[in-house]
């Protein structure tokens, strides 16, 4: 909760969020992982993305396809038994 508050204060003050765009969900309780992932996705601009670590993406991918059809990208970078790395992005809009 403190991280969310810090993020909001930084943005409200006109600052930018730094650091690598990685969301490591290993420490997030299972019932809250998708909420955190979709919140991060909601802050993306078209063409931007972030990495999700250590999360088997099939249910997540189905949820994206059901609720945000055609607006996202999902690229598997690493898929091993203990380690998953997925890049989730907001699709660019063709003009």
PDB file of N, CA and C in Angstrom:
ATOM      1  N   UNK A   1       0.814  -1.186   0.000  1.00  0.00           N
ATOM      2  CA  UNK A   1       0.000   0.000   0.000  1.00  0.00           C
ATOM      3  C   UNK A   1       0.861   1.255   0.000  1.00  0.00           C
ATOM      4  N   UNK A   2       1.976   1.212   0.696  1.00  0.00           N
ATOM      5  CA  UNK A   2       2.871   2.367   0.717  1.00  0.00           C
ATOM      6  C   UNK A   2       3.459   2.635  -0.659  1.00  0.00           C
ATOM      7  N   UNK A   3       3.734   1.563  -1.423  1.00  0.00           N
ATOM      8  CA  UNK A   3       4.280   1.745  -2.765  1.00  0.00           C
ATOM      9  C   UNK A   3       3.280   2.469  -3.657  1.00  0.00           C
ATOM     10  N   UNK A   4       2.008   2.122  -3.552  1.00  0.00           N
ATOM     11  CA  UNK A   4       0.966   2.781  -4.348  1.00  0.00           C
ATOM     12  C   UNK A   4       0.869   4.250  -3.955  1.00  0.00           C
ATOM     13  N   UNK A   5       0.903   4.518  -2.660  1.00  0.00           N
ATOM     14  CA  UNK A   5       0.847   5.906  -2.193  1.00  0.00           C
ATOM     15  C   UNK A   5       2.040   6.701  -2.722  1.00  0.00           C
ATOM     16  N   UNK A   6       3.235   6.115  -2.653  1.00  0.00           N
ATOM     17  CA  UNK A   6       4.425   6.782  -3.163  1.00  0.00           C
ATOM     18  C   UNK A   6       4.339   7.052  -4.650  1.00  0.00           C
ATOM     19  N   UNK A   7       3.817   6.093  -5.400  1.00  0.00           N
ATOM     20  CA  UNK A   7       3.641   6.268  -6.844  1.00  0.00           C
ATOM     21  C   UNK A   7       2.687   7.415  -7.133  1.00  0.00           C
ATOM     22  N   UNK A   8       1.570   7.455  -6.418  1.00  0.00           N
ATOM     23  CA  UNK A   8       0.587   8.518  -6.636  1.00  0.00           C
ATOM     24  C   UNK A   8       1.165   9.890  -6.295  1.00  0.00           C
ATOM     25  N   UNK A   9       1.887   9.977  -5.197  1.00  0.00           N
ATOM     26  CA  UNK A   9       2.480  11.260  -4.813  1.00  0.00           C
ATOM     27  C   UNK A   9       3.503  11.729  -5.838  1.00  0.00           C
ATOM     28  N   UNK A  10       4.296  10.801  -6.366  1.00  0.00           N
ATOM     29  CA  UNK A  10       5.275  11.143  -7.400  1.00  0.00           C
ATOM     30  C   UNK A  10       4.580  11.676  -8.640  1.00  0.00           C
ATOM     31  N   UNK A  11       3.544  10.992  -9.082  1.00  0.00           N
ATOM     32  CA  UNK A  11       2.823  11.416 -10.288  1.00  0.00           C
ATOM     33  C   UNK A  11       2.099  12.740 -10.080  1.00  0.00           C
ATOM     34  N   UNK A  12       1.467  12.915  -8.923  1.00  0.00           N
ATOM     35  CA  UNK A  12       0.760  14.164  -8.647  1.00  0.00           C
ATOM     36  C   UNK A  12       1.709  15.356  -8.571  1.00  0.00           C
ATOM     37  N   UNK A  13       2.934  15.096  -8.187  1.00  0.00           N
ATOM     38  CA  UNK A  13       3.930  16.166  -8.111  1.00  0.00           C
ATOM     39  C   UNK A  13       4.572  16.450  -9.465  1.00  0.00           C
ATOM     40  N   UNK A  14       4.127  15.747 -10.505  1.00  0.00           N
ATOM     41  CA  UNK A  14       4.659  15.974 -11.841  1.00  0.00           C
ATOM     42  C   UNK A  14       5.888  15.145 -12.155  1.00  0.00           C
ATOM     43  N   UNK A  15       6.241  14.230 -11.280  1.00  0.00           N
ATOM     44  CA  UNK A  15       7.404  13.384 -11.510  1.00  0.00           C
ATOM     45  C   UNK A  15       7.080  12.204 -12.402  1.00  0.00           C
ATOM     46  N   UNK A  16       8.123  11.510 -12.787  1.00  0.00           N
ATOM     47  CA  UNK A  16       7.975  10.321 -13.620  1.00  0.00           C
ATOM     48  C   UNK A  16       8.396   9.101 -12.813  1.00  0.00           C
ATOM     49  N   UNK A  17       7.841   7.982 -13.164  1.00  0.00           N
ATOM     50  CA  UNK A  17       8.217   6.738 -12.503  1.00  0.00           C
ATOM     51  C   UNK A  17       9.481   6.199 -13.145  1.00  0.00           C
ATOM     52  N   UNK A  18      10.457   5.849 -12.343  1.00  0.00           N
ATOM     53  CA  UNK A  18      11.710   5.340 -12.869  1.00  0.00           C
ATOM     54  C   UNK A  18      11.845   3.859 -12.623  1.00  0.00           C
ATOM     55  N   UNK A  19      12.998   3.356 -12.965  1.00  0.00           N
ATOM     56  CA  UNK A  19      13.284   1.951 -12.732  1.00  0.00           C
ATOM     57  C   UNK A  19      12.834   1.070 -13.877  1.00  0.00           C
ATOM     58  N   UNK A  20      13.284  -0.154 -13.853  1.00  0.00           N
ATOM     59  CA  UNK A  20      12.926  -1.070 -14.930  1.00  0.00           C
ATOM     60  C   UNK A  20      11.436  -1.414 -14.881  1.00  0.00           C
ATOM     61  N   UNK A  21      10.807  -1.529 -16.021  1.00  0.00           N
ATOM     62  CA  UNK A  21       9.380  -1.833 -16.061  1.00  0.00           C
ATOM     63  C   UNK A  21       9.129  -3.321 -15.842  1.00  0.00           C
ATOM     64  N   UNK A  22       9.336  -3.783 -14.595  1.00  0.00           N
ATOM     65  CA  UNK A  22       9.151  -5.188 -14.253  1.00  0.00           C
ATOM     66  C   UNK A  22       8.199  -5.282 -13.075  1.00  0.00           C
ATOM     67  N   UNK A  23       7.228  -6.142 -13.181  1.00  0.00           N
ATOM     68  CA  UNK A  23       6.307  -6.413 -12.084  1.00  0.00           C
ATOM     69  C   UNK A  23       6.540  -7.854 -11.657  1.00  0.00           C
ATOM     70  N   UNK A  24       7.171  -8.032 -10.519  1.00  0.00           N
ATOM     71  CA  UNK A  24       7.460  -9.357  -9.985  1.00  0.00           C
ATOM     72  C   UNK A  24       6.324  -9.724  -9.051  1.00  0.00           C
ATOM     73  N   UNK A  25       5.506 -10.686  -9.448  1.00  0.00           N
ATOM     74  CA  UNK A  25       4.300 -11.001  -8.688  1.00  0.00           C
ATOM     75  C   UNK A  25       4.497 -12.115  -7.663  1.00  0.00           C
ATOM     76  N   UNK A  26       5.715 -12.580  -7.485  1.00  0.00           N
ATOM     77  CA  UNK A  26       5.946 -13.696  -6.560  1.00  0.00           C
ATOM     78  C   UNK A  26       5.527 -13.373  -5.133  1.00  0.00           C
ATOM     79  N   UNK A  27       5.673 -12.147  -4.701  1.00  0.00           N
ATOM     80  CA  UNK A  27       5.340 -11.780  -3.321  1.00  0.00           C
ATOM     81  C   UNK A  27       3.899 -11.284  -3.170  1.00  0.00           C
ATOM     82  N   UNK A  28       3.167 -11.191  -4.247  1.00  0.00           N
ATOM     83  CA  UNK A  28       1.781 -10.724  -4.212  1.00  0.00           C
ATOM     84  C   UNK A  28       0.874 -11.938  -4.020  1.00  0.00           C
ATOM     85  N   UNK A  29      -0.078 -11.894  -3.095  1.00  0.00           N
ATOM     86  CA  UNK A  29      -0.996 -13.024  -2.918  1.00  0.00           C
ATOM     87  C   UNK A  29      -1.715 -13.349  -4.234  1.00  0.00           C
ATOM     88  N   UNK A  30      -1.960 -14.624  -4.466  1.00  0.00           N
ATOM     89  CA  UNK A  30      -2.544 -15.070  -5.736  1.00  0.00           C
ATOM     90  C   UNK A  30      -3.815 -14.321  -6.108  1.00  0.00           C
ATOM     91  N   UNK A  31      -4.685 -14.060  -5.178  1.00  0.00           N
ATOM     92  CA  UNK A  31      -5.946 -13.392  -5.475  1.00  0.00           C
ATOM     93  C   UNK A  31      -5.810 -11.929  -5.855  1.00  0.00           C
ATOM     94  N   UNK A  32      -4.620 -11.361  -5.714  1.00  0.00           N
ATOM     95  CA  UNK A  32      -4.421  -9.937  -6.017  1.00  0.00           C
ATOM     96  C   UNK A  32      -3.488  -9.703  -7.198  1.00  0.00           C
ATOM     97  N   UNK A  33      -2.929 -10.742  -7.757  1.00  0.00           N
ATOM     98  CA  UNK A  33      -1.947 -10.575  -8.834  1.00  0.00           C
ATOM     99  C   UNK A  33      -2.544  -9.936 -10.075  1.00  0.00           C
ATOM    100  N   UNK A  34      -3.686 -10.438 -10.532  1.00  0.00           N
ATOM    101  CA  UNK A  34      -4.268  -9.890 -11.758  1.00  0.00           C
ATOM    102  C   UNK A  34      -4.679  -8.441 -11.563  1.00  0.00           C
ATOM    103  N   UNK A  35      -5.195  -8.107 -10.387  1.00  0.00           N
ATOM    104  CA  UNK A  35      -5.562  -6.719 -10.101  1.00  0.00           C
ATOM    105  C   UNK A  35      -4.355  -5.806 -10.253  1.00  0.00           C
ATOM    106  N   UNK A  36      -3.224  -6.213  -9.722  1.00  0.00           N
ATOM    107  CA  UNK A  36      -1.993  -5.411  -9.809  1.00  0.00           C
ATOM    108  C   UNK A  36      -1.524  -5.321 -11.267  1.00  0.00           C
ATOM    109  N   UNK A  37      -1.599  -6.433 -11.997  1.00  0.00           N
ATOM    110  CA  UNK A  37      -1.162  -6.449 -13.403  1.00  0.00           C
ATOM    111  C   UNK A  37      -2.050  -5.528 -14.242  1.00  0.00           C
ATOM    112  N   UNK A  38      -3.367  -5.600 -14.056  1.00  0.00           N
ATOM    113  CA  UNK A  38      -4.267  -4.757 -14.838  1.00  0.00           C
ATOM    114  C   UNK A  38      -4.138  -3.284 -14.455  1.00  0.00           C
ATOM    115  N   UNK A  39      -3.818  -2.997 -13.195  1.00  0.00           N
ATOM    116  CA  UNK A  39      -3.580  -1.606 -12.788  1.00  0.00           C
ATOM    117  C   UNK A  39      -2.348  -1.057 -13.494  1.00  0.00           C
ATOM    118  N   UNK A  40      -1.297  -1.854 -13.562  1.00  0.00           N
ATOM    119  CA  UNK A  40      -0.076  -1.417 -14.261  1.00  0.00           C
ATOM    120  C   UNK A  40      -0.370  -1.242 -15.752  1.00  0.00           C
ATOM    121  N   UNK A  41      -1.106  -2.167 -16.340  1.00  0.00           N
ATOM    122  CA  UNK A  41      -1.467  -2.082 -17.755  1.00  0.00           C
ATOM    123  C   UNK A  41      -2.258  -0.787 -18.029  1.00  0.00           C
ATOM    124  N   UNK A  42      -3.143  -0.427 -17.132  1.00  0.00           N
ATOM    125  CA  UNK A  42      -3.971   0.764 -17.312  1.00  0.00           C
ATOM    126  C   UNK A  42      -3.170   2.055 -17.381  1.00  0.00           C
ATOM    127  N   UNK A  43      -1.971   2.071 -16.834  1.00  0.00           N
ATOM    128  CA  UNK A  43      -1.129   3.272 -16.858  1.00  0.00           C
ATOM    129  C   UNK A  43      -0.255   3.364 -18.093  1.00  0.00           C
ATOM    130  N   UNK A  44      -0.285   2.336 -18.955  1.00  0.00           N
ATOM    131  CA  UNK A  44       0.574   2.339 -20.141  1.00  0.00           C
ATOM    132  C   UNK A  44       0.035   3.253 -21.232  1.00  0.00           C
ATOM    133  N   UNK A  45       0.937   3.811 -22.002  1.00  0.00           N
ATOM    134  CA  UNK A  45       0.586   4.501 -23.238  1.00  0.00           C
ATOM    135  C   UNK A  45       0.719   3.499 -24.366  1.00  0.00           C
ATOM    136  N   UNK A  46       0.049   3.734 -25.505  1.00  0.00           N
ATOM    137  CA  UNK A  46       0.198   2.813 -26.629  1.00  0.00           C
ATOM    138  C   UNK A  46       1.668   2.610 -26.994  1.00  0.00           C
ATOM    139  N   UNK A  47       2.048   1.364 -27.175  1.00  0.00           N
ATOM    140  CA  UNK A  47       3.416   1.016 -27.520  1.00  0.00           C
ATOM    141  C   UNK A  47       4.291   0.694 -26.325  1.00  0.00           C
ATOM    142  N   UNK A  48       3.856   1.054 -25.113  1.00  0.00           N
ATOM    143  CA  UNK A  48       4.621   0.748 -23.907  1.00  0.00           C
ATOM    144  C   UNK A  48       4.260  -0.648 -23.397  1.00  0.00           C
ATOM    145  N   UNK A  49       5.139  -1.196 -22.580  1.00  0.00           N
ATOM    146  CA  UNK A  49       4.880  -2.499 -21.994  1.00  0.00           C
ATOM    147  C   UNK A  49       5.666  -2.679 -20.715  1.00  0.00           C
ATOM    148  N   UNK A  50       5.450  -3.813 -20.064  1.00  0.00           N
ATOM    149  CA  UNK A  50       6.184  -4.151 -18.858  1.00  0.00           C
ATOM    150  C   UNK A  50       6.304  -5.662 -18.781  1.00  0.00           C
ATOM    151  N   UNK A  51       7.232  -6.114 -17.966  1.00  0.00           N
ATOM    152  CA  UNK A  51       7.453  -7.534 -17.795  1.00  0.00           C
ATOM    153  C   UNK A  51       6.748  -8.033 -16.545  1.00  0.00           C
ATOM    154  N   UNK A  52       6.186  -9.216 -16.644  1.00  0.00           N
ATOM    155  CA  UNK A  52       5.610  -9.887 -15.485  1.00  0.00           C
ATOM    156  C   UNK A  52       6.470 -11.108 -15.226  1.00  0.00           C
ATOM    157  N   UNK A  53       6.984 -11.213 -14.016  1.00  0.00           N
ATOM    158  CA  UNK A  53       7.844 -12.329 -13.643  1.00  0.00           C
ATOM    159  C   UNK A  53       7.086 -13.376 -12.848  1.00  0.00           C
ATOM    160  N   UNK A  54       7.419 -14.622 -13.136  1.00  0.00           N
ATOM    161  CA  UNK A  54       6.998 -15.764 -12.343  1.00  0.00           C
ATOM    162  C   UNK A  54       5.481 -15.892 -12.240  1.00  0.00           C
ATOM    163  N   UNK A  55       4.820 -15.872 -13.369  1.00  0.00           N
ATOM    164  CA  UNK A  55       3.371 -16.037 -13.383  1.00  0.00           C
ATOM    165  C   UNK A  55       2.994 -16.807 -14.637  1.00  0.00           C
ATOM    166  N   UNK A  56       2.437 -18.017 -14.473  1.00  0.00           N
ATOM    167  CA  UNK A  56       1.940 -18.773 -15.612  1.00  0.00           C
ATOM    168  C   UNK A  56       0.814 -17.997 -16.273  1.00  0.00           C
ATOM    169  N   UNK A  57       0.965 -17.575 -17.518  1.00  0.00           N
ATOM    170  CA  UNK A  57       0.091 -16.555 -18.088  1.00  0.00           C
ATOM    171  C   UNK A  57      -1.204 -17.026 -18.742  1.00  0.00           C
ATOM    172  N   UNK A  58      -1.531 -18.310 -18.776  1.00  0.00           N
ATOM    173  CA  UNK A  58      -2.752 -18.715 -19.489  1.00  0.00           C
ATOM    174  C   UNK A  58      -4.020 -18.070 -18.939  1.00  0.00           C
ATOM    175  N   UNK A  59      -4.304 -18.143 -17.630  1.00  0.00           N
ATOM    176  CA  UNK A  59      -5.510 -17.458 -17.136  1.00  0.00           C
ATOM    177  C   UNK A  59      -5.451 -15.942 -17.336  1.00  0.00           C
ATOM    178  N   UNK A  60      -4.278 -15.371 -17.147  1.00  0.00           N
ATOM    179  CA  UNK A  60      -4.111 -13.935 -17.349  1.00  0.00           C
ATOM    180  C   UNK A  60      -4.378 -13.571 -18.807  1.00  0.00           C
ATOM    181  N   UNK A  61      -3.835 -14.336 -19.713  1.00  0.00           N
ATOM    182  CA  UNK A  61      -4.031 -14.069 -21.137  1.00  0.00           C
ATOM    183  C   UNK A  61      -5.512 -14.186 -21.523  1.00  0.00           C
ATOM    184  N   UNK A  62      -6.197 -15.189 -20.988  1.00  0.00           N
ATOM    185  CA  UNK A  62      -7.640 -15.339 -21.267  1.00  0.00           C
ATOM    186  C   UNK A  62      -8.420 -14.124 -20.747  1.00  0.00           C
ATOM    187  N   UNK A  63      -8.031 -13.630 -19.568  1.00  0.00           N
ATOM    188  CA  UNK A  63      -8.713 -12.468 -19.009  1.00  0.00           C
ATOM    189  C   UNK A  63      -8.472 -11.226 -19.865  1.00  0.00           C
ATOM    190  N   UNK A  64      -7.250 -11.030 -20.342  1.00  0.00           N
ATOM    191  CA  UNK A  64      -6.962  -9.916 -21.242  1.00  0.00           C
ATOM    192  C   UNK A  64      -7.785 -10.036 -22.521  1.00  0.00           C
ATOM    193  N   UNK A  65      -7.831 -11.231 -23.098  1.00  0.00           N
ATOM    194  CA  UNK A  65      -8.568 -11.417 -24.357  1.00  0.00           C
ATOM    195  C   UNK A  65     -10.062 -11.195 -24.168  1.00  0.00           C
ATOM    196  N   UNK A  66     -10.593 -11.559 -23.003  1.00  0.00           N
ATOM    197  CA  UNK A  66     -12.020 -11.386 -22.748  1.00  0.00           C
ATOM    198  C   UNK A  66     -12.396  -9.932 -22.457  1.00  0.00           C
ATOM    199  N   UNK A  67     -11.506  -9.192 -21.827  1.00  0.00           N
ATOM    200  CA  UNK A  67     -11.862  -7.839 -21.386  1.00  0.00           C
ATOM    201  C   UNK A  67     -11.220  -6.720 -22.200  1.00  0.00           C
ATOM    202  N   UNK A  68     -10.165  -7.044 -22.938  1.00  0.00           N
ATOM    203  CA  UNK A  68      -9.437  -6.008 -23.687  1.00  0.00           C
ATOM    204  C   UNK A  68      -9.027  -6.525 -25.068  1.00  0.00           C
ATOM    205  N   UNK A  69      -9.964  -7.096 -25.758  1.00  0.00           N
ATOM    206  CA  UNK A  69      -9.704  -7.700 -27.064  1.00  0.00           C
ATOM    207  C   UNK A  69      -9.047  -6.710 -28.015  1.00  0.00           C
ATOM    208  N   UNK A  70      -7.898  -7.115 -28.571  1.00  0.00           N
ATOM    209  CA  UNK A  70      -7.216  -6.324 -29.582  1.00  0.00           C
ATOM    210  C   UNK A  70      -6.462  -5.110 -29.068  1.00  0.00           C
ATOM    211  N   UNK A  71      -6.414  -4.902 -27.775  1.00  0.00           N
ATOM    212  CA  UNK A  71      -5.763  -3.699 -27.250  1.00  0.00           C
ATOM    213  C   UNK A  71      -4.432  -3.987 -26.580  1.00  0.00           C
ATOM    214  N   UNK A  72      -4.053  -5.246 -26.502  1.00  0.00           N
ATOM    215  CA  UNK A  72      -2.853  -5.620 -25.759  1.00  0.00           C
ATOM    216  C   UNK A  72      -1.954  -6.541 -26.579  1.00  0.00           C
ATOM    217  N   UNK A  73      -0.722  -6.657 -26.109  1.00  0.00           N
ATOM    218  CA  UNK A  73       0.209  -7.642 -26.654  1.00  0.00           C
ATOM    219  C   UNK A  73       0.686  -8.505 -25.491  1.00  0.00           C
ATOM    220  N   UNK A  74       1.040  -9.726 -25.794  1.00  0.00           N
ATOM    221  CA  UNK A  74       1.514 -10.647 -24.768  1.00  0.00           C
ATOM    222  C   UNK A  74       2.590 -11.519 -25.401  1.00  0.00           C
ATOM    223  N   UNK A  75       3.839 -11.291 -25.011  1.00  0.00           N
ATOM    224  CA  UNK A  75       4.968 -12.019 -25.591  1.00  0.00           C
ATOM    225  C   UNK A  75       5.676 -12.812 -24.508  1.00  0.00           C
ATOM    226  N   UNK A  76       5.803 -14.113 -24.728  1.00  0.00           N
ATOM    227  CA  UNK A  76       6.497 -14.987 -23.783  1.00  0.00           C
ATOM    228  C   UNK A  76       8.001 -14.844 -24.007  1.00  0.00           C
ATOM    229  N   UNK A  77       8.726 -14.431 -22.982  1.00  0.00           N
ATOM    230  CA  UNK A  77      10.173 -14.285 -23.070  1.00  0.00           C
ATOM    231  C   UNK A  77      10.884 -15.478 -22.449  1.00  0.00           C
ATOM    232  N   UNK A  78      10.287 -16.053 -21.427  1.00  0.00           N
ATOM    233  CA  UNK A  78      10.854 -17.218 -20.757  1.00  0.00           C
ATOM    234  C   UNK A  78       9.708 -18.009 -20.142  1.00  0.00           C
ATOM    235  N   UNK A  79       9.704 -19.299 -20.367  1.00  0.00           N
ATOM    236  CA  UNK A  79       8.636 -20.122 -19.796  1.00  0.00           C
ATOM    237  C   UNK A  79       9.224 -21.458 -19.334  1.00  0.00           C
ATOM    238  N   UNK A  80       9.622 -21.451 -18.078  1.00  0.00           N
ATOM    239  CA  UNK A  80      10.122 -22.666 -17.449  1.00  0.00           C
ATOM    240  C   UNK A  80       9.245 -22.969 -16.244  1.00  0.00           C
ATOM    241  N   UNK A  81       9.398 -24.128 -15.709  1.00  0.00           N
ATOM    242  CA  UNK A  81       8.543 -24.573 -14.614  1.00  0.00           C
ATOM    243  C   UNK A  81       8.487 -23.574 -13.456  1.00  0.00           C
ATOM    244  N   UNK A  82       9.606 -23.070 -13.038  1.00  0.00           N
ATOM    245  CA  UNK A  82       9.675 -22.164 -11.896  1.00  0.00           C
ATOM    246  C   UNK A  82       9.744 -20.687 -12.288  1.00  0.00           C
ATOM    247  N   UNK A  83      10.010 -20.398 -13.544  1.00  0.00           N
ATOM    248  CA  UNK A  83      10.226 -19.014 -13.964  1.00  0.00           C
ATOM    249  C   UNK A  83       9.437 -18.713 -15.227  1.00  0.00           C
ATOM    250  N   UNK A  84       8.608 -17.691 -15.154  1.00  0.00           N
ATOM    251  CA  UNK A  84       7.887 -17.180 -16.313  1.00  0.00           C
ATOM    252  C   UNK A  84       8.245 -15.711 -16.454  1.00  0.00           C
ATOM    253  N   UNK A  85       8.504 -15.294 -17.674  1.00  0.00           N
ATOM    254  CA  UNK A  85       8.682 -13.868 -17.964  1.00  0.00           C
ATOM    255  C   UNK A  85       7.826 -13.565 -19.185  1.00  0.00           C
ATOM    256  N   UNK A  86       6.905 -12.659 -19.021  1.00  0.00           N
ATOM    257  CA  UNK A  86       5.961 -12.297 -20.076  1.00  0.00           C
ATOM    258  C   UNK A  86       5.985 -10.792 -20.221  1.00  0.00           C
ATOM    259  N   UNK A  87       6.072 -10.320 -21.468  1.00  0.00           N
ATOM    260  CA  UNK A  87       5.976  -8.873 -21.722  1.00  0.00           C
ATOM    261  C   UNK A  87       4.532  -8.581 -22.122  1.00  0.00           C
ATOM    262  N   UNK A  88       3.883  -7.733 -21.337  1.00  0.00           N
ATOM    263  CA  UNK A  88       2.524  -7.299 -21.622  1.00  0.00           C
ATOM    264  C   UNK A  88       2.612  -5.856 -22.069  1.00  0.00           C
ATOM    265  N   UNK A  89       1.958  -5.555 -23.173  1.00  0.00           N
ATOM    266  CA  UNK A  89       2.018  -4.199 -23.695  1.00  0.00           C
ATOM    267  C   UNK A  89       0.673  -3.704 -24.164  1.00  0.00           C
ATOM    268  N   UNK A  90       0.591  -2.415 -24.345  1.00  0.00           N
ATOM    269  CA  UNK A  90      -0.616  -1.811 -24.908  1.00  0.00           C
ATOM    270  C   UNK A  90      -0.347  -1.633 -26.396  1.00  0.00           C
ATOM    271  N   UNK A  91      -1.226  -2.209 -27.196  1.00  0.00           N
ATOM    272  CA  UNK A  91      -1.056  -2.176 -28.646  1.00  0.00           C
ATOM    273  C   UNK A  91      -1.061  -0.736 -29.155  1.00  0.00           C
ATOM    274  N   UNK A  92      -0.288  -0.494 -30.200  1.00  0.00           N
ATOM    275  CA  UNK A  92      -0.282   0.834 -30.822  1.00  0.00           C
ATOM    276  C   UNK A  92      -1.523   0.959 -31.686  1.00  0.00           C
ATOM    277  N   UNK A  93      -1.963   2.180 -31.853  1.00  0.00           N
ATOM    278  CA  UNK A  93      -3.142   2.473 -32.665  1.00  0.00           C
ATOM    279  C   UNK A  93      -2.681   2.857 -34.042  1.00  0.00           C
ATOM    280  N   UNK A  94      -3.195   2.163 -35.064  1.00  0.00           N
ATOM    281  CA  UNK A  94      -2.852   2.522 -36.448  1.00  0.00           C
ATOM    282  C   UNK A  94      -3.653   3.746 -36.869  1.00  0.00           C
ATOM    283  N   UNK A  95      -2.953   4.693 -37.452  1.00  0.00           N
ATOM    284  CA  UNK A  95      -3.620   5.935 -37.890  1.00  0.00           C
ATOM    285  C   UNK A  95      -4.101   5.821 -39.316  1.00  0.00           C
TER     286      UNK A  95
END
